[in-house]
């Protein structure tokens, strides 16, 4: 699989977007709860290109472990940073799948520089477009928690 191409905004991404990305992950990981999670981030660049990237994390009561090398985490963080800056990309979704006997899937869209929960139908549509019918049938769509936006 080829590496995703990072968005190239027409203007520099402000440091505030990097701060929002850090705050988003800080809010997201505990909201997902303990267990192993696969995060899938998809964004449409303003020039028509689509960027898709995944990250696997394991959350425990004491820590969060990224199940990828540091450079892959940094690519995910960079794409998330650009996604939180509206001048760079649009139509951004973040889908989280909790790995268990019966996986639970939820999702958010990025609007106004933050992650907002999307409804079950939109999550199912986003996920089933990439799965075989038997895999899609086994999914449990969960409500995504509202992530508190820092002030």
N, C-alpha and C. Protein backbone atom coordinates (compact mmCIF):
# COMPACT_ATOMS: atom_id res chain seq x y z
N UNK A 1 0.85 -1.16 0.00
CA UNK A 1 0.00 0.00 0.00
C UNK A 1 0.90 1.23 0.00
N UNK A 2 0.60 2.19 -0.86
CA UNK A 2 1.42 3.39 -0.91
C UNK A 2 1.11 4.29 0.28
N UNK A 3 2.10 5.07 0.66
CA UNK A 3 1.92 5.98 1.78
C UNK A 3 0.99 7.11 1.38
N UNK A 4 0.14 7.55 2.31
CA UNK A 4 -0.75 8.66 1.98
C UNK A 4 0.06 9.93 1.77
N UNK A 5 -0.38 10.74 0.84
CA UNK A 5 0.27 12.02 0.60
C UNK A 5 -0.33 13.03 1.57
N UNK A 6 0.54 13.75 2.25
CA UNK A 6 0.07 14.74 3.20
C UNK A 6 -0.53 15.92 2.47
N UNK A 7 -1.59 16.52 3.02
CA UNK A 7 -2.19 17.69 2.39
C UNK A 7 -1.18 18.83 2.30
N UNK A 8 -1.34 19.64 1.31
CA UNK A 8 -0.50 20.82 1.16
C UNK A 8 -1.44 22.03 1.12
N UNK A 9 -1.64 22.69 2.26
CA UNK A 9 -2.55 23.83 2.29
C UNK A 9 -1.97 25.02 1.54
N UNK A 10 -2.87 25.93 1.15
CA UNK A 10 -2.40 27.12 0.45
C UNK A 10 -1.69 28.08 1.40
N UNK A 11 -1.95 27.95 2.69
CA UNK A 11 -1.29 28.78 3.70
C UNK A 11 -0.77 27.86 4.79
N UNK A 12 0.24 28.31 5.53
CA UNK A 12 0.76 27.46 6.62
C UNK A 12 -0.33 27.11 7.62
N UNK A 13 -0.25 25.90 8.13
CA UNK A 13 -1.21 25.47 9.15
C UNK A 13 -0.81 26.14 10.46
N UNK A 14 -1.74 26.84 11.09
CA UNK A 14 -1.39 27.52 12.33
C UNK A 14 -1.07 26.54 13.45
N UNK A 15 -0.25 27.02 14.38
CA UNK A 15 0.10 26.20 15.54
C UNK A 15 -1.15 25.80 16.31
N UNK A 16 -2.21 26.60 16.22
CA UNK A 16 -3.44 26.26 16.95
C UNK A 16 -4.02 24.93 16.46
N UNK A 17 -3.84 24.60 15.17
CA UNK A 17 -4.32 23.32 14.66
C UNK A 17 -3.54 22.17 15.28
N UNK A 18 -2.24 22.36 15.48
CA UNK A 18 -1.44 21.32 16.14
C UNK A 18 -1.91 21.15 17.58
N UNK A 19 -2.21 22.24 18.25
CA UNK A 19 -2.72 22.17 19.61
C UNK A 19 -4.06 21.46 19.66
N UNK A 20 -4.94 21.74 18.68
CA UNK A 20 -6.25 21.06 18.63
C UNK A 20 -6.07 19.57 18.39
N UNK A 21 -5.09 19.20 17.54
CA UNK A 21 -4.84 17.78 17.28
C UNK A 21 -4.39 17.08 18.56
N UNK A 22 -3.52 17.72 19.30
CA UNK A 22 -3.06 17.14 20.57
C UNK A 22 -4.23 17.03 21.56
N UNK A 23 -5.04 18.07 21.64
CA UNK A 23 -6.21 18.03 22.54
C UNK A 23 -7.22 16.97 22.07
N UNK A 24 -7.38 16.84 20.76
CA UNK A 24 -8.33 15.84 20.24
C UNK A 24 -7.92 14.43 20.65
N UNK A 25 -6.63 14.12 20.50
CA UNK A 25 -6.17 12.78 20.89
C UNK A 25 -6.26 12.60 22.41
N UNK A 26 -5.97 13.66 23.15
CA UNK A 26 -6.07 13.60 24.61
C UNK A 26 -7.50 13.34 25.06
N UNK A 27 -8.47 13.87 24.33
CA UNK A 27 -9.89 13.63 24.64
C UNK A 27 -10.35 12.27 24.10
N UNK A 28 -9.85 11.90 22.92
CA UNK A 28 -10.31 10.69 22.25
C UNK A 28 -9.91 9.40 22.96
N UNK A 29 -8.65 9.27 23.33
CA UNK A 29 -8.18 8.00 23.88
C UNK A 29 -8.96 7.57 25.12
N UNK A 30 -9.14 8.42 26.14
CA UNK A 30 -9.93 7.97 27.29
C UNK A 30 -11.40 7.73 26.94
N UNK A 31 -11.93 8.50 25.97
CA UNK A 31 -13.33 8.32 25.58
C UNK A 31 -13.55 6.95 24.93
N UNK A 32 -12.55 6.43 24.24
CA UNK A 32 -12.67 5.11 23.62
C UNK A 32 -12.73 4.01 24.66
N UNK A 33 -12.10 4.23 25.80
CA UNK A 33 -12.10 3.22 26.86
C UNK A 33 -10.98 2.21 26.67
N UNK A 34 -10.85 1.38 27.68
CA UNK A 34 -9.78 0.37 27.64
C UNK A 34 -10.02 -0.63 26.53
N UNK A 35 -8.92 -1.06 25.93
CA UNK A 35 -8.98 -2.06 24.86
C UNK A 35 -8.15 -1.64 23.67
N UNK A 36 -8.23 -2.43 22.62
CA UNK A 36 -7.50 -2.15 21.37
C UNK A 36 -8.45 -1.49 20.39
N UNK A 37 -7.97 -0.45 19.75
CA UNK A 37 -8.81 0.34 18.84
C UNK A 37 -8.06 0.61 17.55
N UNK A 38 -8.77 0.56 16.45
CA UNK A 38 -8.22 0.96 15.17
C UNK A 38 -8.89 2.26 14.78
N UNK A 39 -8.07 3.27 14.52
CA UNK A 39 -8.57 4.58 14.11
C UNK A 39 -8.32 4.75 12.63
N UNK A 40 -9.35 5.14 11.90
CA UNK A 40 -9.23 5.37 10.46
C UNK A 40 -9.66 6.79 10.16
N UNK A 41 -8.75 7.57 9.62
CA UNK A 41 -8.98 8.97 9.33
C UNK A 41 -8.98 9.15 7.82
N UNK A 42 -10.04 9.73 7.29
CA UNK A 42 -10.15 9.98 5.85
C UNK A 42 -10.49 11.44 5.64
N UNK A 43 -9.76 12.07 4.73
CA UNK A 43 -9.98 13.49 4.46
C UNK A 43 -9.88 13.75 2.96
N UNK A 44 -10.74 14.62 2.48
CA UNK A 44 -10.68 15.05 1.08
C UNK A 44 -9.91 16.36 1.03
N UNK A 45 -8.82 16.35 0.28
CA UNK A 45 -8.03 17.57 0.10
C UNK A 45 -8.78 18.49 -0.85
N UNK A 46 -8.59 19.76 -0.71
CA UNK A 46 -9.29 20.75 -1.54
C UNK A 46 -8.98 20.58 -3.03
N UNK A 47 -7.87 19.91 -3.37
CA UNK A 47 -7.54 19.71 -4.79
C UNK A 47 -8.15 18.42 -5.34
N UNK A 48 -8.96 17.72 -4.54
CA UNK A 48 -9.64 16.51 -5.00
C UNK A 48 -9.00 15.21 -4.54
N UNK A 49 -7.78 15.25 -4.03
CA UNK A 49 -7.12 14.03 -3.55
C UNK A 49 -7.75 13.58 -2.23
N UNK A 50 -7.74 12.28 -1.99
CA UNK A 50 -8.24 11.72 -0.74
C UNK A 50 -7.06 11.18 0.04
N UNK A 51 -7.02 11.52 1.32
CA UNK A 51 -5.98 11.03 2.21
C UNK A 51 -6.64 10.10 3.21
N UNK A 52 -6.12 8.90 3.36
CA UNK A 52 -6.64 7.94 4.33
C UNK A 52 -5.46 7.36 5.10
N UNK A 53 -5.61 7.30 6.41
CA UNK A 53 -4.54 6.78 7.25
C UNK A 53 -5.14 6.10 8.46
N UNK A 54 -4.47 5.07 8.96
CA UNK A 54 -4.95 4.30 10.11
C UNK A 54 -3.91 4.31 11.22
N UNK A 55 -4.41 4.09 12.42
CA UNK A 55 -3.54 4.00 13.59
C UNK A 55 -4.18 3.02 14.56
N UNK A 56 -3.40 2.09 15.07
CA UNK A 56 -3.88 1.15 16.09
C UNK A 56 -3.33 1.56 17.43
N UNK A 57 -4.21 1.63 18.42
CA UNK A 57 -3.80 2.00 19.78
C UNK A 57 -4.40 1.03 20.77
N UNK A 58 -3.71 0.86 21.89
CA UNK A 58 -4.23 0.08 23.00
C UNK A 58 -4.30 0.99 24.20
N UNK A 59 -5.49 1.11 24.76
CA UNK A 59 -5.72 1.99 25.90
C UNK A 59 -5.87 1.13 27.15
N UNK A 60 -5.12 1.47 28.18
CA UNK A 60 -5.28 0.83 29.49
C UNK A 60 -5.58 1.93 30.50
N UNK A 61 -5.85 1.55 31.73
CA UNK A 61 -6.13 2.54 32.77
C UNK A 61 -4.94 3.46 32.99
N UNK A 62 -3.74 2.95 32.75
CA UNK A 62 -2.53 3.72 33.03
C UNK A 62 -1.92 4.40 31.82
N UNK A 63 -2.20 3.90 30.60
CA UNK A 63 -1.46 4.43 29.46
C UNK A 63 -2.18 4.20 28.14
N UNK A 64 -1.60 4.80 27.12
CA UNK A 64 -2.01 4.57 25.73
C UNK A 64 -0.77 4.11 24.99
N UNK A 65 -0.88 2.99 24.31
CA UNK A 65 0.24 2.46 23.55
C UNK A 65 -0.14 2.50 22.06
N UNK A 66 0.67 3.20 21.28
CA UNK A 66 0.47 3.24 19.83
C UNK A 66 1.17 2.02 19.25
N UNK A 67 0.42 1.21 18.53
CA UNK A 67 0.93 -0.05 18.01
C UNK A 67 1.58 0.12 16.64
N UNK A 68 2.31 1.21 16.45
CA UNK A 68 3.01 1.52 15.20
C UNK A 68 4.33 2.19 15.54
N UNK A 69 5.27 2.21 14.60
CA UNK A 69 6.50 2.97 14.82
C UNK A 69 6.18 4.47 14.93
N UNK A 70 7.10 5.21 15.52
CA UNK A 70 6.91 6.65 15.76
C UNK A 70 6.61 7.42 14.48
N UNK A 71 7.25 7.05 13.36
CA UNK A 71 7.01 7.81 12.12
C UNK A 71 5.58 7.63 11.62
N UNK A 72 4.98 6.45 11.82
CA UNK A 72 3.60 6.25 11.40
C UNK A 72 2.64 7.03 12.29
N UNK A 73 2.94 7.09 13.60
CA UNK A 73 2.13 7.91 14.49
C UNK A 73 2.22 9.38 14.07
N UNK A 74 3.42 9.83 13.74
CA UNK A 74 3.60 11.23 13.34
C UNK A 74 2.85 11.54 12.05
N UNK A 75 2.79 10.59 11.11
CA UNK A 75 2.00 10.80 9.89
C UNK A 75 0.53 10.95 10.24
N UNK A 76 0.02 10.08 11.14
CA UNK A 76 -1.37 10.18 11.55
C UNK A 76 -1.63 11.54 12.22
N UNK A 77 -0.75 11.93 13.13
CA UNK A 77 -0.89 13.20 13.83
C UNK A 77 -0.86 14.37 12.85
N UNK A 78 0.00 14.29 11.85
CA UNK A 78 0.09 15.36 10.84
C UNK A 78 -1.18 15.46 10.03
N UNK A 79 -1.72 14.32 9.60
CA UNK A 79 -2.98 14.35 8.85
C UNK A 79 -4.11 14.89 9.73
N UNK A 80 -4.16 14.47 10.98
CA UNK A 80 -5.17 14.99 11.90
C UNK A 80 -5.01 16.50 12.06
N UNK A 81 -3.80 16.97 12.18
CA UNK A 81 -3.55 18.41 12.31
C UNK A 81 -4.10 19.16 11.10
N UNK A 82 -3.78 18.67 9.90
CA UNK A 82 -4.30 19.31 8.69
C UNK A 82 -5.82 19.21 8.63
N UNK A 83 -6.37 18.10 9.08
CA UNK A 83 -7.82 17.91 9.05
C UNK A 83 -8.53 18.91 9.95
N UNK A 84 -7.89 19.31 11.02
CA UNK A 84 -8.49 20.27 11.94
C UNK A 84 -8.36 21.71 11.45
N UNK A 85 -7.67 21.90 10.36
CA UNK A 85 -7.51 23.23 9.76
C UNK A 85 -8.36 23.29 8.50
N UNK A 86 -9.50 23.98 8.54
CA UNK A 86 -10.46 23.93 7.43
C UNK A 86 -9.93 24.41 6.08
N UNK A 87 -8.86 25.17 6.05
CA UNK A 87 -8.35 25.63 4.75
C UNK A 87 -7.63 24.53 3.99
N UNK A 88 -7.29 23.44 4.67
CA UNK A 88 -6.49 22.39 4.05
C UNK A 88 -7.34 21.26 3.46
N UNK A 89 -8.31 20.77 4.19
CA UNK A 89 -9.11 19.62 3.77
C UNK A 89 -10.58 19.83 4.15
N UNK A 90 -11.43 18.95 3.62
CA UNK A 90 -12.85 18.98 3.97
C UNK A 90 -13.35 17.55 3.97
N UNK A 91 -14.60 17.36 4.40
CA UNK A 91 -15.21 16.02 4.48
C UNK A 91 -14.30 15.03 5.19
N UNK A 92 -14.00 15.32 6.42
CA UNK A 92 -13.10 14.49 7.22
C UNK A 92 -13.91 13.61 8.17
N UNK A 93 -13.61 12.32 8.17
CA UNK A 93 -14.22 11.41 9.14
C UNK A 93 -13.14 10.65 9.86
N UNK A 94 -13.40 10.41 11.13
CA UNK A 94 -12.55 9.58 11.96
C UNK A 94 -13.43 8.45 12.47
N UNK A 95 -13.10 7.23 12.09
CA UNK A 95 -13.85 6.05 12.50
C UNK A 95 -12.98 5.26 13.47
N UNK A 96 -13.56 4.90 14.61
CA UNK A 96 -12.85 4.11 15.62
C UNK A 96 -13.54 2.76 15.74
N UNK A 97 -12.77 1.71 15.58
CA UNK A 97 -13.29 0.34 15.73
C UNK A 97 -12.60 -0.29 16.93
N UNK A 98 -13.39 -0.72 17.89
CA UNK A 98 -12.86 -1.40 19.06
C UNK A 98 -12.81 -2.87 18.74
N UNK A 99 -11.64 -3.45 18.86
CA UNK A 99 -11.48 -4.86 18.55
C UNK A 99 -11.93 -5.70 19.73
N UNK A 100 -12.88 -6.56 19.49
CA UNK A 100 -13.42 -7.46 20.51
C UNK A 100 -14.09 -8.62 19.78
N UNK A 101 -14.79 -9.48 20.53
CA UNK A 101 -15.51 -10.58 19.88
C UNK A 101 -16.49 -10.06 18.85
N UNK A 102 -17.15 -8.96 19.16
CA UNK A 102 -18.07 -8.30 18.24
C UNK A 102 -17.68 -6.83 18.21
N UNK A 103 -16.92 -6.42 17.20
CA UNK A 103 -16.38 -5.06 17.19
C UNK A 103 -17.44 -3.97 17.25
N UNK A 104 -17.14 -2.95 18.02
CA UNK A 104 -17.98 -1.77 18.14
C UNK A 104 -17.32 -0.65 17.34
N UNK A 105 -18.11 0.03 16.52
CA UNK A 105 -17.58 1.06 15.65
C UNK A 105 -18.36 2.36 15.89
N UNK A 106 -17.62 3.46 15.99
CA UNK A 106 -18.25 4.77 16.11
C UNK A 106 -17.43 5.76 15.30
N UNK A 107 -17.96 6.97 15.15
CA UNK A 107 -17.23 7.92 14.32
C UNK A 107 -17.54 9.37 14.61
N UNK A 108 -16.65 10.20 14.10
CA UNK A 108 -16.75 11.64 14.23
C UNK A 108 -16.46 12.27 12.87
N UNK A 109 -16.99 13.46 12.67
CA UNK A 109 -16.59 14.28 11.53
C UNK A 109 -15.94 15.54 12.09
N UNK A 110 -15.10 16.12 11.28
CA UNK A 110 -14.46 17.35 11.73
C UNK A 110 -15.19 18.53 11.09
N UNK A 111 -15.70 19.37 11.99
CA UNK A 111 -16.36 20.62 11.60
C UNK A 111 -15.84 21.71 12.52
N UNK A 112 -15.62 22.86 11.95
CA UNK A 112 -15.22 24.02 12.75
C UNK A 112 -14.02 23.71 13.65
N UNK A 113 -13.08 22.94 13.12
CA UNK A 113 -11.84 22.67 13.82
C UNK A 113 -11.93 21.71 14.99
N UNK A 114 -12.99 20.86 15.05
CA UNK A 114 -13.11 19.90 16.15
C UNK A 114 -13.87 18.66 15.70
N UNK A 115 -13.74 17.59 16.49
CA UNK A 115 -14.41 16.31 16.23
C UNK A 115 -15.83 16.33 16.80
N UNK A 116 -16.82 16.04 15.95
CA UNK A 116 -18.23 15.99 16.34
C UNK A 116 -18.78 14.60 15.99
N UNK A 117 -19.50 13.96 16.92
CA UNK A 117 -20.04 12.61 16.65
C UNK A 117 -20.94 12.61 15.41
N UNK A 118 -20.87 11.51 14.66
CA UNK A 118 -21.78 11.34 13.53
C UNK A 118 -22.77 10.23 13.87
N UNK A 119 -23.91 10.27 13.19
CA UNK A 119 -24.95 9.30 13.54
C UNK A 119 -24.63 7.92 12.99
N UNK A 120 -25.37 6.95 13.50
CA UNK A 120 -25.11 5.53 13.19
C UNK A 120 -25.18 5.25 11.69
N UNK A 121 -26.13 5.86 10.99
CA UNK A 121 -26.26 5.60 9.55
C UNK A 121 -25.02 6.07 8.79
N UNK A 122 -24.48 7.23 9.18
CA UNK A 122 -23.29 7.74 8.52
C UNK A 122 -22.07 6.87 8.85
N UNK A 123 -22.00 6.38 10.09
CA UNK A 123 -20.90 5.48 10.46
C UNK A 123 -20.98 4.21 9.62
N UNK A 124 -22.17 3.61 9.57
CA UNK A 124 -22.34 2.37 8.81
C UNK A 124 -21.97 2.59 7.34
N UNK A 125 -22.40 3.69 6.77
CA UNK A 125 -22.08 4.00 5.37
C UNK A 125 -20.57 4.13 5.17
N UNK A 126 -19.91 4.83 6.09
CA UNK A 126 -18.46 5.03 5.97
C UNK A 126 -17.71 3.71 6.09
N UNK A 127 -18.17 2.84 6.96
CA UNK A 127 -17.46 1.60 7.23
C UNK A 127 -17.76 0.53 6.20
N UNK A 128 -19.01 0.36 5.83
CA UNK A 128 -19.38 -0.73 4.93
C UNK A 128 -18.86 -0.53 3.52
N UNK A 129 -18.52 0.69 3.16
CA UNK A 129 -17.95 0.93 1.84
C UNK A 129 -16.62 0.22 1.67
N UNK A 130 -15.98 -0.15 2.79
CA UNK A 130 -14.65 -0.76 2.73
C UNK A 130 -14.62 -2.20 3.21
N UNK A 131 -15.78 -2.78 3.50
CA UNK A 131 -15.81 -4.14 4.04
C UNK A 131 -16.61 -5.08 3.17
N UNK A 132 -16.31 -6.35 3.31
CA UNK A 132 -17.13 -7.38 2.67
C UNK A 132 -18.46 -7.44 3.42
N UNK A 133 -19.54 -7.86 2.75
CA UNK A 133 -20.86 -7.88 3.39
C UNK A 133 -20.90 -8.66 4.70
N UNK A 134 -20.20 -9.81 4.78
CA UNK A 134 -20.24 -10.60 6.02
C UNK A 134 -19.53 -9.88 7.17
N UNK A 135 -18.47 -9.13 6.84
CA UNK A 135 -17.79 -8.35 7.88
C UNK A 135 -18.68 -7.21 8.36
N UNK A 136 -19.33 -6.53 7.42
CA UNK A 136 -20.20 -5.41 7.77
C UNK A 136 -21.36 -5.86 8.63
N UNK A 137 -21.88 -7.06 8.37
CA UNK A 137 -23.03 -7.56 9.13
C UNK A 137 -22.68 -7.81 10.59
N UNK A 138 -21.42 -8.07 10.90
CA UNK A 138 -21.04 -8.37 12.28
C UNK A 138 -20.74 -7.12 13.11
N UNK A 139 -20.80 -5.97 12.50
CA UNK A 139 -20.47 -4.74 13.22
C UNK A 139 -21.58 -4.29 14.15
N UNK A 140 -21.17 -3.76 15.27
CA UNK A 140 -22.09 -3.10 16.18
C UNK A 140 -21.75 -1.62 16.11
N UNK A 141 -22.70 -0.83 15.65
CA UNK A 141 -22.48 0.61 15.55
C UNK A 141 -22.86 1.22 16.89
N UNK A 142 -21.93 1.95 17.46
CA UNK A 142 -22.13 2.58 18.77
C UNK A 142 -22.19 4.09 18.59
N UNK A 143 -22.78 4.76 19.54
CA UNK A 143 -22.77 6.22 19.54
C UNK A 143 -21.38 6.70 19.96
N UNK A 144 -20.85 7.61 19.19
CA UNK A 144 -19.55 8.18 19.54
C UNK A 144 -19.74 9.16 20.70
N UNK A 145 -18.85 9.13 21.64
CA UNK A 145 -18.96 10.10 22.73
C UNK A 145 -18.64 11.52 22.24
N UNK A 146 -19.28 12.49 22.86
CA UNK A 146 -18.96 13.88 22.59
C UNK A 146 -17.61 14.15 23.25
N UNK A 147 -16.70 14.69 22.48
CA UNK A 147 -15.38 15.01 22.97
C UNK A 147 -15.34 16.48 23.41
N UNK A 148 -14.98 16.69 24.64
CA UNK A 148 -14.94 18.04 25.19
C UNK A 148 -13.85 18.84 24.50
N UNK A 149 -14.25 19.96 23.95
CA UNK A 149 -13.32 20.85 23.25
C UNK A 149 -12.65 21.77 24.26
N UNK A 150 -11.34 21.86 24.23
CA UNK A 150 -10.66 22.75 25.18
C UNK A 150 -10.98 24.22 24.87
N UNK A 151 -10.91 25.02 25.87
CA UNK A 151 -11.18 26.46 25.70
C UNK A 151 -9.90 27.19 25.43
